Amino acid sequence: MNANKGVYLGTDIVEHWWSRLPKTEICPRSRGTWWYDERGFYFQRHLTEHPIFIPVKSIIRMQLGKRHAGTWVITSHILKIFWKQDNLKLSSGFIISKSRSEAVRLIRLLSRTSAAA
């Protein structure tokens, strides 16, 4: 596991930042570390026991943006992962790097992994 520092900005239901995902460990923003493998994307929030896990099979699409969950970011790019859990369409936002090229590289790697799954 090669963990990298990042920030989790939250998970929205159907791209509505005011609709937080209820009854889950996916909580509001937090700093932590992220990594990925052939199974999915992980974000371990500081002071939590279990990481947020987004399986590659659940990923619908990914994109970069400047805002997510009511938060605007000027100096970094937000990785938005759109995914499904049960009958819900979700959007999770992460700051994984200040470098746009690093965020694009991760999108490509996760896209390849999800295509192979």
PDB file of N, CA and C in Angstrom:
ATOM      1  N   MET A   1       0.845  -1.178   0.000  1.00  0.00           N
ATOM      2  CA  MET A   1       0.000   0.000   0.000  1.00  0.00           C
ATOM      3  C   MET A   1       0.889   1.240   0.000  1.00  0.00           C
ATOM      4  N   ASN A   2       0.691   2.105  -0.939  1.00  0.00           N
ATOM      5  CA  ASN A   2       1.411   3.364  -1.010  1.00  0.00           C
ATOM      6  C   ASN A   2       0.409   4.475  -0.689  1.00  0.00           C
ATOM      7  N   ALA A   3       0.365   4.895   0.582  1.00  0.00           N
ATOM      8  CA  ALA A   3      -0.633   5.885   1.009  1.00  0.00           C
ATOM      9  C   ALA A   3      -0.131   7.299   0.754  1.00  0.00           C
ATOM     10  N   ASN A   4      -1.042   8.156   0.318  1.00  0.00           N
ATOM     11  CA  ASN A   4      -0.763   9.552   0.010  1.00  0.00           C
ATOM     12  C   ASN A   4      -1.673  10.442   0.840  1.00  0.00           C
ATOM     13  N   LYS A   5      -1.205  11.626   1.208  1.00  0.00           N
ATOM     14  CA  LYS A   5      -2.024  12.555   1.981  1.00  0.00           C
ATOM     15  C   LYS A   5      -3.112  13.167   1.104  1.00  0.00           C
ATOM     16  N   GLY A   6      -4.266  13.429   1.721  1.00  0.00           N
ATOM     17  CA  GLY A   6      -5.361  14.045   0.984  1.00  0.00           C
ATOM     18  C   GLY A   6      -6.437  14.559   1.914  1.00  0.00           C
ATOM     19  N   VAL A   7      -7.514  15.028   1.310  1.00  0.00           N
ATOM     20  CA  VAL A   7      -8.667  15.544   2.061  1.00  0.00           C
ATOM     21  C   VAL A   7      -9.936  14.941   1.464  1.00  0.00           C
ATOM     22  N   TYR A   8     -10.789  14.438   2.323  1.00  0.00           N
ATOM     23  CA  TYR A   8     -12.106  13.943   1.928  1.00  0.00           C
ATOM     24  C   TYR A   8     -13.101  15.080   2.136  1.00  0.00           C
ATOM     25  N   LEU A   9     -13.880  15.411   1.104  1.00  0.00           N
ATOM     26  CA  LEU A   9     -14.811  16.544   1.175  1.00  0.00           C
ATOM     27  C   LEU A   9     -16.258  16.149   1.419  1.00  0.00           C
ATOM     28  N   GLY A  10     -16.563  14.866   1.360  1.00  0.00           N
ATOM     29  CA  GLY A  10     -17.925  14.424   1.621  1.00  0.00           C
ATOM     30  C   GLY A  10     -18.489  13.590   0.485  1.00  0.00           C
ATOM     31  N   THR A  11     -19.614  12.970   0.758  1.00  0.00           N
ATOM     32  CA  THR A  11     -20.333  12.168  -0.231  1.00  0.00           C
ATOM     33  C   THR A  11     -21.752  12.694  -0.334  1.00  0.00           C
ATOM     34  N   ASP A  12     -22.152  13.012  -1.560  1.00  0.00           N
ATOM     35  CA  ASP A  12     -23.490  13.529  -1.837  1.00  0.00           C
ATOM     36  C   ASP A  12     -24.355  12.438  -2.439  1.00  0.00           C
ATOM     37  N   ILE A  13     -25.648  12.574  -2.241  1.00  0.00           N
ATOM     38  CA  ILE A  13     -26.607  11.712  -2.919  1.00  0.00           C
ATOM     39  C   ILE A  13     -27.069  12.431  -4.173  1.00  0.00           C
ATOM     40  N   VAL A  14     -26.924  11.805  -5.316  1.00  0.00           N
ATOM     41  CA  VAL A  14     -27.353  12.329  -6.603  1.00  0.00           C
ATOM     42  C   VAL A  14     -26.874  13.776  -6.812  1.00  0.00           C
ATOM     43  N   GLU A  15     -25.649  14.043  -6.461  1.00  0.00           N
ATOM     44  CA  GLU A  15     -24.986  15.317  -6.694  1.00  0.00           C
ATOM     45  C   GLU A  15     -25.632  16.512  -5.983  1.00  0.00           C
ATOM     46  N   HIS A  16     -26.394  16.272  -4.948  1.00  0.00           N
ATOM     47  CA  HIS A  16     -26.982  17.361  -4.179  1.00  0.00           C
ATOM     48  C   HIS A  16     -26.214  17.476  -2.869  1.00  0.00           C
ATOM     49  N   TRP A  17     -25.398  18.506  -2.730  1.00  0.00           N
ATOM     50  CA  TRP A  17     -24.516  18.596  -1.574  1.00  0.00           C
ATOM     51  C   TRP A  17     -25.256  18.667  -0.249  1.00  0.00           C
ATOM     52  N   TRP A  18     -26.526  19.049  -0.276  1.00  0.00           N
ATOM     53  CA  TRP A  18     -27.281  19.120   0.966  1.00  0.00           C
ATOM     54  C   TRP A  18     -27.841  17.756   1.357  1.00  0.00           C
ATOM     55  N   SER A  19     -27.706  16.757   0.483  1.00  0.00           N
ATOM     56  CA  SER A  19     -28.225  15.418   0.768  1.00  0.00           C
ATOM     57  C   SER A  19     -27.071  14.486   1.130  1.00  0.00           C
ATOM     58  N   ARG A  20     -26.696  14.480   2.376  1.00  0.00           N
ATOM     59  CA  ARG A  20     -25.619  13.610   2.843  1.00  0.00           C
ATOM     60  C   ARG A  20     -26.097  12.170   2.916  1.00  0.00           C
ATOM     61  N   LEU A  21     -25.156  11.277   2.778  1.00  0.00           N
ATOM     62  CA  LEU A  21     -25.458   9.852   2.864  1.00  0.00           C
ATOM     63  C   LEU A  21     -25.719   9.489   4.324  1.00  0.00           C
ATOM     64  N   PRO A  22     -26.944   9.067   4.675  1.00  0.00           N
ATOM     65  CA  PRO A  22     -27.281   8.787   6.071  1.00  0.00           C
ATOM     66  C   PRO A  22     -26.834   7.391   6.510  1.00  0.00           C
ATOM     67  N   LYS A  23     -26.754   7.188   7.829  1.00  0.00           N
ATOM     68  CA  LYS A  23     -26.538   5.874   8.429  1.00  0.00           C
ATOM     69  C   LYS A  23     -25.345   5.130   7.832  1.00  0.00           C
ATOM     70  N   THR A  24     -24.217   5.772   7.809  1.00  0.00           N
ATOM     71  CA  THR A  24     -23.037   5.145   7.239  1.00  0.00           C
ATOM     72  C   THR A  24     -21.789   5.718   7.883  1.00  0.00           C
ATOM     73  N   GLU A  25     -20.675   5.085   7.640  1.00  0.00           N
ATOM     74  CA  GLU A  25     -19.405   5.606   8.140  1.00  0.00           C
ATOM     75  C   GLU A  25     -18.878   6.724   7.251  1.00  0.00           C
ATOM     76  N   ILE A  26     -19.530   6.983   6.125  1.00  0.00           N
ATOM     77  CA  ILE A  26     -19.077   8.048   5.238  1.00  0.00           C
ATOM     78  C   ILE A  26     -19.564   9.366   5.826  1.00  0.00           C
ATOM     79  N   CYS A  27     -18.657  10.067   6.468  1.00  0.00           N
ATOM     80  CA  CYS A  27     -18.976  11.276   7.233  1.00  0.00           C
ATOM     81  C   CYS A  27     -18.433  12.524   6.550  1.00  0.00           C
ATOM     82  N   PRO A  28     -18.714  13.686   7.135  1.00  0.00           N
ATOM     83  CA  PRO A  28     -18.237  14.941   6.554  1.00  0.00           C
ATOM     84  C   PRO A  28     -16.721  15.023   6.448  1.00  0.00           C
ATOM     85  N   ARG A  29     -16.266  16.105   5.845  1.00  0.00           N
ATOM     86  CA  ARG A  29     -14.865  16.276   5.466  1.00  0.00           C
ATOM     87  C   ARG A  29     -13.870  15.961   6.563  1.00  0.00           C
ATOM     88  N   SER A  30     -12.689  15.532   6.057  1.00  0.00           N
ATOM     89  CA  SER A  30     -11.626  15.152   6.973  1.00  0.00           C
ATOM     90  C   SER A  30     -10.324  14.977   6.203  1.00  0.00           C
ATOM     91  N   ARG A  31      -9.227  15.236   6.876  1.00  0.00           N
ATOM     92  CA  ARG A  31      -7.915  14.935   6.306  1.00  0.00           C
ATOM     93  C   ARG A  31      -7.619  13.459   6.527  1.00  0.00           C
ATOM     94  N   GLY A  32      -6.706  12.929   5.707  1.00  0.00           N
ATOM     95  CA  GLY A  32      -6.332  11.537   5.867  1.00  0.00           C
ATOM     96  C   GLY A  32      -5.368  11.100   4.780  1.00  0.00           C
ATOM     97  N   THR A  33      -5.381   9.808   4.504  1.00  0.00           N
ATOM     98  CA  THR A  33      -4.527   9.252   3.453  1.00  0.00           C
ATOM     99  C   THR A  33      -5.382   8.427   2.496  1.00  0.00           C
ATOM    100  N   TRP A  34      -4.937   8.373   1.236  1.00  0.00           N
ATOM    101  CA  TRP A  34      -5.670   7.616   0.218  1.00  0.00           C
ATOM    102  C   TRP A  34      -4.721   6.666  -0.494  1.00  0.00           C
ATOM    103  N   TRP A  35      -5.299   5.620  -1.056  1.00  0.00           N
ATOM    104  CA  TRP A  35      -4.580   4.666  -1.892  1.00  0.00           C
ATOM    105  C   TRP A  35      -5.596   3.917  -2.734  1.00  0.00           C
ATOM    106  N   TYR A  36      -5.124   3.138  -3.678  1.00  0.00           N
ATOM    107  CA  TYR A  36      -6.020   2.329  -4.499  1.00  0.00           C
ATOM    108  C   TYR A  36      -5.321   1.009  -4.816  1.00  0.00           C
ATOM    109  N   ASP A  37      -6.119   0.040  -5.180  1.00  0.00           N
ATOM    110  CA  ASP A  37      -5.612  -1.238  -5.667  1.00  0.00           C
ATOM    111  C   ASP A  37      -6.602  -1.769  -6.693  1.00  0.00           C
ATOM    112  N   GLU A  38      -6.456  -3.020  -7.070  1.00  0.00           N
ATOM    113  CA  GLU A  38      -7.330  -3.578  -8.105  1.00  0.00           C
ATOM    114  C   GLU A  38      -8.784  -3.690  -7.657  1.00  0.00           C
ATOM    115  N   ARG A  39      -9.046  -3.608  -6.362  1.00  0.00           N
ATOM    116  CA  ARG A  39     -10.422  -3.698  -5.852  1.00  0.00           C
ATOM    117  C   ARG A  39     -11.127  -2.355  -5.773  1.00  0.00           C
ATOM    118  N   GLY A  40     -10.363  -1.245  -5.587  1.00  0.00           N
ATOM    119  CA  GLY A  40     -11.033   0.043  -5.477  1.00  0.00           C
ATOM    120  C   GLY A  40     -10.169   1.146  -4.916  1.00  0.00           C
ATOM    121  N   PHE A  41     -10.844   2.231  -4.529  1.00  0.00           N
ATOM    122  CA  PHE A  41     -10.223   3.440  -3.989  1.00  0.00           C
ATOM    123  C   PHE A  41     -10.520   3.489  -2.493  1.00  0.00           C
ATOM    124  N   TYR A  42      -9.521   3.824  -1.708  1.00  0.00           N
ATOM    125  CA  TYR A  42      -9.643   3.865  -0.255  1.00  0.00           C
ATOM    126  C   TYR A  42      -9.248   5.249   0.256  1.00  0.00           C
ATOM    127  N   PHE A  43      -9.940   5.708   1.290  1.00  0.00           N
ATOM    128  CA  PHE A  43      -9.538   6.930   1.982  1.00  0.00           C
ATOM    129  C   PHE A  43      -9.670   6.677   3.472  1.00  0.00           C
ATOM    130  N   GLN A  44      -8.539   6.714   4.165  1.00  0.00           N
ATOM    131  CA  GLN A  44      -8.514   6.519   5.614  1.00  0.00           C
ATOM    132  C   GLN A  44      -8.520   7.879   6.298  1.00  0.00           C
ATOM    133  N   ARG A  45      -9.644   8.247   6.906  1.00  0.00           N
ATOM    134  CA  ARG A  45      -9.735   9.513   7.623  1.00  0.00           C
ATOM    135  C   ARG A  45      -8.947   9.406   8.920  1.00  0.00           C
ATOM    136  N   HIS A  46      -8.287  10.505   9.323  1.00  0.00           N
ATOM    137  CA  HIS A  46      -7.558  10.512  10.583  1.00  0.00           C
ATOM    138  C   HIS A  46      -8.494  10.154  11.729  1.00  0.00           C
ATOM    139  N   LEU A  47      -7.981   9.397  12.662  1.00  0.00           N
ATOM    140  CA  LEU A  47      -8.697   9.011  13.885  1.00  0.00           C
ATOM    141  C   LEU A  47      -9.926   8.143  13.631  1.00  0.00           C
ATOM    142  N   THR A  48      -9.944   7.418  12.509  1.00  0.00           N
ATOM    143  CA  THR A  48     -11.026   6.461  12.263  1.00  0.00           C
ATOM    144  C   THR A  48     -10.426   5.072  12.086  1.00  0.00           C
ATOM    145  N   GLU A  49     -11.226   4.067  12.365  1.00  0.00           N
ATOM    146  CA  GLU A  49     -10.746   2.690  12.307  1.00  0.00           C
ATOM    147  C   GLU A  49     -10.773   2.113  10.898  1.00  0.00           C
ATOM    148  N   HIS A  50     -11.834   2.386  10.147  1.00  0.00           N
ATOM    149  CA  HIS A  50     -12.008   1.785   8.829  1.00  0.00           C
ATOM    150  C   HIS A  50     -11.970   2.853   7.741  1.00  0.00           C
ATOM    151  N   PRO A  51     -11.336   2.527   6.609  1.00  0.00           N
ATOM    152  CA  PRO A  51     -11.317   3.502   5.511  1.00  0.00           C
ATOM    153  C   PRO A  51     -12.638   3.538   4.757  1.00  0.00           C
ATOM    154  N   ILE A  52     -12.879   4.663   4.100  1.00  0.00           N
ATOM    155  CA  ILE A  52     -13.955   4.746   3.114  1.00  0.00           C
ATOM    156  C   ILE A  52     -13.478   3.903   1.940  1.00  0.00           C
ATOM    157  N   PHE A  53     -14.334   3.062   1.402  1.00  0.00           N
ATOM    158  CA  PHE A  53     -13.959   2.189   0.292  1.00  0.00           C
ATOM    159  C   PHE A  53     -14.970   2.340  -0.835  1.00  0.00           C
ATOM    160  N   ILE A  54     -14.469   2.637  -2.035  1.00  0.00           N
ATOM    161  CA  ILE A  54     -15.311   2.716  -3.225  1.00  0.00           C
ATOM    162  C   ILE A  54     -14.847   1.615  -4.174  1.00  0.00           C
ATOM    163  N   PRO A  55     -15.645   0.543  -4.325  1.00  0.00           N
ATOM    164  CA  PRO A  55     -15.239  -0.554  -5.208  1.00  0.00           C
ATOM    165  C   PRO A  55     -15.201  -0.109  -6.670  1.00  0.00           C
ATOM    166  N   VAL A  56     -14.219  -0.607  -7.429  1.00  0.00           N
ATOM    167  CA  VAL A  56     -14.122  -0.221  -8.841  1.00  0.00           C
ATOM    168  C   VAL A  56     -15.368  -0.654  -9.607  1.00  0.00           C
ATOM    169  N   LYS A  57     -16.000  -1.734  -9.203  1.00  0.00           N
ATOM    170  CA  LYS A  57     -17.212  -2.205  -9.883  1.00  0.00           C
ATOM    171  C   LYS A  57     -18.375  -1.232  -9.715  1.00  0.00           C
ATOM    172  N   SER A  58     -18.314  -0.383  -8.695  1.00  0.00           N
ATOM    173  CA  SER A  58     -19.391   0.572  -8.422  1.00  0.00           C
ATOM    174  C   SER A  58     -19.176   1.927  -9.074  1.00  0.00           C
ATOM    175  N   ILE A  59     -17.964   2.184  -9.580  1.00  0.00           N
ATOM    176  CA  ILE A  59     -17.654   3.492 -10.148  1.00  0.00           C
ATOM    177  C   ILE A  59     -18.358   3.675 -11.490  1.00  0.00           C
ATOM    178  N   ILE A  60     -19.093   4.774 -11.611  1.00  0.00           N
ATOM    179  CA  ILE A  60     -19.790   5.117 -12.852  1.00  0.00           C
ATOM    180  C   ILE A  60     -18.891   5.985 -13.727  1.00  0.00           C
ATOM    181  N   ARG A  61     -18.312   7.025 -13.107  1.00  0.00           N
ATOM    182  CA  ARG A  61     -17.397   7.912 -13.831  1.00  0.00           C
ATOM    183  C   ARG A  61     -16.619   8.730 -12.811  1.00  0.00           C
ATOM    184  N   MET A  62     -15.595   9.436 -13.314  1.00  0.00           N
ATOM    185  CA  MET A  62     -14.777  10.308 -12.483  1.00  0.00           C
ATOM    186  C   MET A  62     -14.516  11.597 -13.243  1.00  0.00           C
ATOM    187  N   GLN A  63     -14.353  12.680 -12.503  1.00  0.00           N
ATOM    188  CA  GLN A  63     -14.027  13.951 -13.134  1.00  0.00           C
ATOM    189  C   GLN A  63     -13.328  14.843 -12.122  1.00  0.00           C
ATOM    190  N   LEU A  64     -12.708  15.905 -12.624  1.00  0.00           N
ATOM    191  CA  LEU A  64     -12.077  16.907 -11.770  1.00  0.00           C
ATOM    192  C   LEU A  64     -12.963  18.139 -11.700  1.00  0.00           C
ATOM    193  N   GLY A  65     -12.938  18.809 -10.562  1.00  0.00           N
ATOM    194  CA  GLY A  65     -13.734  20.015 -10.406  1.00  0.00           C
ATOM    195  C   GLY A  65     -13.107  20.944  -9.387  1.00  0.00           C
ATOM    196  N   LYS A  66     -13.756  22.073  -9.168  1.00  0.00           N
ATOM    197  CA  LYS A  66     -13.295  23.060  -8.198  1.00  0.00           C
ATOM    198  C   LYS A  66     -14.213  23.158  -6.978  1.00  0.00           C
ATOM    199  N   ARG A  67     -15.359  22.443  -6.988  1.00  0.00           N
ATOM    200  CA  ARG A  67     -16.233  22.458  -5.812  1.00  0.00           C
ATOM    201  C   ARG A  67     -16.893  21.097  -5.648  1.00  0.00           C
ATOM    202  N   HIS A  68     -17.209  20.802  -4.395  1.00  0.00           N
ATOM    203  CA  HIS A  68     -17.898  19.557  -4.073  1.00  0.00           C
ATOM    204  C   HIS A  68     -18.479  19.691  -2.667  1.00  0.00           C
ATOM    205  N   ALA A  69     -19.673  19.199  -2.485  1.00  0.00           N
ATOM    206  CA  ALA A  69     -20.345  19.175  -1.179  1.00  0.00           C
ATOM    207  C   ALA A  69     -20.370  20.556  -0.522  1.00  0.00           C
ATOM    208  N   GLY A  70     -20.588  21.579  -1.326  1.00  0.00           N
ATOM    209  CA  GLY A  70     -20.689  22.929  -0.799  1.00  0.00           C
ATOM    210  C   GLY A  70     -19.350  23.594  -0.523  1.00  0.00           C
ATOM    211  N   THR A  71     -18.250  22.933  -0.895  1.00  0.00           N
ATOM    212  CA  THR A  71     -16.915  23.471  -0.658  1.00  0.00           C
ATOM    213  C   THR A  71     -16.268  23.851  -1.976  1.00  0.00           C
ATOM    214  N   TRP A  72     -15.736  25.067  -2.033  1.00  0.00           N
ATOM    215  CA  TRP A  72     -14.988  25.533  -3.197  1.00  0.00           C
ATOM    216  C   TRP A  72     -13.512  25.415  -2.890  1.00  0.00           C
ATOM    217  N   VAL A  73     -12.724  24.988  -3.878  1.00  0.00           N
ATOM    218  CA  VAL A  73     -11.281  24.865  -3.711  1.00  0.00           C
ATOM    219  C   VAL A  73     -10.620  25.605  -4.862  1.00  0.00           C
ATOM    220  N   ILE A  74      -9.767  26.554  -4.539  1.00  0.00           N
ATOM    221  CA  ILE A  74      -9.108  27.362  -5.559  1.00  0.00           C
ATOM    222  C   ILE A  74      -7.753  26.780  -5.952  1.00  0.00           C
ATOM    223  N   THR A  75      -6.977  26.326  -4.964  1.00  0.00           N
ATOM    224  CA  THR A  75      -5.588  25.942  -5.225  1.00  0.00           C
ATOM    225  C   THR A  75      -5.390  24.488  -5.634  1.00  0.00           C
ATOM    226  N   SER A  76      -6.398  23.675  -5.550  1.00  0.00           N
ATOM    227  CA  SER A  76      -6.277  22.252  -5.881  1.00  0.00           C
ATOM    228  C   SER A  76      -7.425  21.832  -6.785  1.00  0.00           C
ATOM    229  N   HIS A  77      -7.325  20.626  -7.272  1.00  0.00           N
ATOM    230  CA  HIS A  77      -8.394  20.041  -8.083  1.00  0.00           C
ATOM    231  C   HIS A  77      -9.058  18.938  -7.273  1.00  0.00           C
ATOM    232  N   ILE A  78     -10.366  18.915  -7.332  1.00  0.00           N
ATOM    233  CA  ILE A  78     -11.138  17.919  -6.594  1.00  0.00           C
ATOM    234  C   ILE A  78     -11.413  16.734  -7.509  1.00  0.00           C
ATOM    235  N   LEU A  79     -11.046  15.557  -7.042  1.00  0.00           N
ATOM    236  CA  LEU A  79     -11.405  14.327  -7.740  1.00  0.00           C
ATOM    237  C   LEU A  79     -12.810  13.957  -7.292  1.00  0.00           C
ATOM    238  N   LYS A  80     -13.732  13.907  -8.245  1.00  0.00           N
ATOM    239  CA  LYS A  80     -15.106  13.503  -7.944  1.00  0.00           C
ATOM    240  C   LYS A  80     -15.305  12.101  -8.492  1.00  0.00           C
ATOM    241  N   ILE A  81     -15.671  11.186  -7.614  1.00  0.00           N
ATOM    242  CA  ILE A  81     -15.950   9.809  -8.020  1.00  0.00           C
ATOM    243  C   ILE A  81     -17.453   9.608  -7.915  1.00  0.00           C
ATOM    244  N   PHE A  82     -18.093   9.357  -9.051  1.00  0.00           N
ATOM    245  CA  PHE A  82     -19.523   9.072  -9.102  1.00  0.00           C
ATOM    246  C   PHE A  82     -19.668   7.554  -9.067  1.00  0.00           C
ATOM    247  N   TRP A  83     -20.478   7.052  -8.121  1.00  0.00           N
ATOM    248  CA  TRP A  83     -20.572   5.616  -7.928  1.00  0.00           C
ATOM    249  C   TRP A  83     -21.932   5.223  -7.384  1.00  0.00           C
ATOM    250  N   LYS A  84     -22.191   3.923  -7.383  1.00  0.00           N
ATOM    251  CA  LYS A  84     -23.472   3.386  -6.921  1.00  0.00           C
ATOM    252  C   LYS A  84     -23.264   2.575  -5.658  1.00  0.00           C
ATOM    253  N   GLN A  85     -24.207   2.709  -4.731  1.00  0.00           N
ATOM    254  CA  GLN A  85     -24.261   1.853  -3.548  1.00  0.00           C
ATOM    255  C   GLN A  85     -25.723   1.507  -3.329  1.00  0.00           C
ATOM    256  N   ASP A  86     -26.026   0.235  -3.422  1.00  0.00           N
ATOM    257  CA  ASP A  86     -27.416  -0.219  -3.361  1.00  0.00           C
ATOM    258  C   ASP A  86     -28.205   0.492  -4.467  1.00  0.00           C
ATOM    259  N   ASN A  87     -29.269   1.216  -4.135  1.00  0.00           N
ATOM    260  CA  ASN A  87     -30.055   1.931  -5.140  1.00  0.00           C
ATOM    261  C   ASN A  87     -29.712   3.411  -5.218  1.00  0.00           C
ATOM    262  N   LEU A  88     -28.636   3.833  -4.566  1.00  0.00           N
ATOM    263  CA  LEU A  88     -28.271   5.241  -4.535  1.00  0.00           C
ATOM    264  C   LEU A  88     -27.149   5.554  -5.516  1.00  0.00           C
ATOM    265  N   LYS A  89     -27.258   6.705  -6.175  1.00  0.00           N
ATOM    266  CA  LYS A  89     -26.158   7.234  -6.977  1.00  0.00           C
ATOM    267  C   LYS A  89     -25.454   8.270  -6.109  1.00  0.00           C
ATOM    268  N   LEU A  90     -24.156   8.093  -5.935  1.00  0.00           N
ATOM    269  CA  LEU A  90     -23.385   8.917  -5.018  1.00  0.00           C
ATOM    270  C   LEU A  90     -22.267   9.655  -5.736  1.00  0.00           C
ATOM    271  N   SER A  91     -21.816  10.723  -5.122  1.00  0.00           N
ATOM    272  CA  SER A  91     -20.673  11.489  -5.613  1.00  0.00           C
ATOM    273  C   SER A  91     -19.786  11.801  -4.413  1.00  0.00           C
ATOM    274  N   SER A  92     -18.559  11.272  -4.412  1.00  0.00           N
ATOM    275  CA  SER A  92     -17.609  11.518  -3.335  1.00  0.00           C
ATOM    276  C   SER A  92     -16.498  12.405  -3.851  1.00  0.00           C
ATOM    277  N   GLY A  93     -16.096  13.390  -3.049  1.00  0.00           N
ATOM    278  CA  GLY A  93     -15.067  14.339  -3.455  1.00  0.00           C
ATOM    279  C   GLY A  93     -13.812  14.230  -2.607  1.00  0.00           C
ATOM    280  N   PHE A  94     -12.656  14.280  -3.282  1.00  0.00           N
ATOM    281  CA  PHE A  94     -11.367  14.145  -2.611  1.00  0.00           C
ATOM    282  C   PHE A  94     -10.375  15.134  -3.208  1.00  0.00           C
ATOM    283  N   ILE A  95      -9.561  15.721  -2.356  1.00  0.00           N
ATOM    284  CA  ILE A  95      -8.390  16.446  -2.838  1.00  0.00           C
ATOM    285  C   ILE A  95      -7.231  15.470  -2.677  1.00  0.00           C
ATOM    286  N   ILE A  96      -6.676  15.017  -3.780  1.00  0.00           N
ATOM    287  CA  ILE A  96      -5.614  14.018  -3.716  1.00  0.00           C
ATOM    288  C   ILE A  96      -4.250  14.605  -4.032  1.00  0.00           C
ATOM    289  N   SER A  97      -4.228  15.793  -4.643  1.00  0.00           N
ATOM    290  CA  SER A  97      -2.978  16.429  -5.012  1.00  0.00           C
ATOM    291  C   SER A  97      -3.254  17.866  -5.435  1.00  0.00           C
ATOM    292  N   LYS A  98      -2.262  18.727  -5.299  1.00  0.00           N
ATOM    293  CA  LYS A  98      -2.391  20.080  -5.839  1.00  0.00           C
ATOM    294  C   LYS A  98      -2.111  20.083  -7.327  1.00  0.00           C
ATOM    295  N   SER A  99      -1.566  18.989  -7.817  1.00  0.00           N
ATOM    296  CA  SER A  99      -1.207  18.862  -9.225  1.00  0.00           C
ATOM    297  C   SER A  99      -2.354  18.260 -10.033  1.00  0.00           C
ATOM    298  N   ARG A 100      -2.792  18.978 -11.046  1.00  0.00           N
ATOM    299  CA  ARG A 100      -3.846  18.462 -11.921  1.00  0.00           C
ATOM    300  C   ARG A 100      -3.390  17.180 -12.614  1.00  0.00           C
ATOM    301  N   SER A 101      -2.131  17.127 -13.033  1.00  0.00           N
ATOM    302  CA  SER A 101      -1.626  15.951 -13.751  1.00  0.00           C
ATOM    303  C   SER A 101      -1.654  14.703 -12.867  1.00  0.00           C
ATOM    304  N   GLU A 102      -1.403  14.857 -11.569  1.00  0.00           N
ATOM    305  CA  GLU A 102      -1.465  13.717 -10.650  1.00  0.00           C
ATOM    306  C   GLU A 102      -2.905  13.212 -10.523  1.00  0.00           C
ATOM    307  N   ALA A 103      -3.862  14.131 -10.447  1.00  0.00           N
ATOM    308  CA  ALA A 103      -5.269  13.741 -10.358  1.00  0.00           C
ATOM    309  C   ALA A 103      -5.727  13.055 -11.646  1.00  0.00           C
ATOM    310  N   VAL A 104      -5.296  13.565 -12.791  1.00  0.00           N
ATOM    311  CA  VAL A 104      -5.649  12.951 -14.085  1.00  0.00           C
ATOM    312  C   VAL A 104      -5.041  11.556 -14.179  1.00  0.00           C
ATOM    313  N   ARG A 105      -3.816  11.412 -13.695  1.00  0.00           N
ATOM    314  CA  ARG A 105      -3.151  10.099 -13.716  1.00  0.00           C
ATOM    315  C   ARG A 105      -3.943   9.083 -12.890  1.00  0.00           C
ATOM    316  N   LEU A 106      -4.423   9.491 -11.718  1.00  0.00           N
ATOM    317  CA  LEU A 106      -5.213   8.575 -10.892  1.00  0.00           C
ATOM    318  C   LEU A 106      -6.514   8.193 -11.589  1.00  0.00           C
ATOM    319  N   ILE A 107      -7.166   9.158 -12.228  1.00  0.00           N
ATOM    320  CA  ILE A 107      -8.398   8.856 -12.964  1.00  0.00           C
ATOM    321  C   ILE A 107      -8.123   7.803 -14.036  1.00  0.00           C
ATOM    322  N   ARG A 108      -7.037   7.961 -14.770  1.00  0.00           N
ATOM    323  CA  ARG A 108      -6.691   6.978 -15.807  1.00  0.00           C
ATOM    324  C   ARG A 108      -6.433   5.597 -15.217  1.00  0.00           C
ATOM    325  N   LEU A 109      -5.678   5.544 -14.111  1.00  0.00           N
ATOM    326  CA  LEU A 109      -5.384   4.261 -13.492  1.00  0.00           C
ATOM    327  C   LEU A 109      -6.641   3.578 -12.947  1.00  0.00           C
ATOM    328  N   LEU A 110      -7.507   4.340 -12.299  1.00  0.00           N
ATOM    329  CA  LEU A 110      -8.758   3.753 -11.787  1.00  0.00           C
ATOM    330  C   LEU A 110      -9.670   3.336 -12.933  1.00  0.00           C
ATOM    331  N   SER A 111      -9.678   4.100 -14.025  1.00  0.00           N
ATOM    332  CA  SER A 111     -10.496   3.749 -15.190  1.00  0.00           C
ATOM    333  C   SER A 111     -10.034   2.419 -15.783  1.00  0.00           C
ATOM    334  N   ARG A 112      -8.729   2.254 -15.887  1.00  0.00           N
ATOM    335  CA  ARG A 112      -8.192   0.975 -16.401  1.00  0.00           C
ATOM    336  C   ARG A 112      -8.562  -0.183 -15.489  1.00  0.00           C
ATOM    337  N   THR A 113      -8.451   0.043 -14.183  1.00  0.00           N
ATOM    338  CA  THR A 113      -8.769  -1.001 -13.217  1.00  0.00           C
ATOM    339  C   THR A 113     -10.246  -1.368 -13.270  1.00  0.00           C
ATOM    340  N   SER A 114     -11.127  -0.352 -13.379  1.00  0.00           N
ATOM    341  CA  SER A 114     -12.564  -0.637 -13.425  1.00  0.00           C
ATOM    342  C   SER A 114     -12.961  -1.295 -14.744  1.00  0.00           C
ATOM    343  N   ALA A 115     -12.276  -0.971 -15.831  1.00  0.00           N
ATOM    344  CA  ALA A 115     -12.558  -1.604 -17.118  1.00  0.00           C
ATOM    345  C   ALA A 115     -12.168  -3.080 -17.094  1.00  0.00           C
ATOM    346  N   ALA A 116     -11.129  -3.414 -16.345  1.00  0.00           N
ATOM    347  CA  ALA A 116     -10.658  -4.802 -16.266  1.00  0.00           C
ATOM    348  C   ALA A 116     -11.517  -5.630 -15.311  1.00  0.00           C
ATOM    349  N   ALA A 117     -12.258  -4.963 -14.422  1.00  0.00           N
ATOM    350  CA  ALA A 117     -13.055  -5.685 -13.410  1.00  0.00           C
ATOM    351  C   ALA A 117     -14.287  -6.325 -14.008  1.00  0.00           C
TER     352      ALA A 117
END
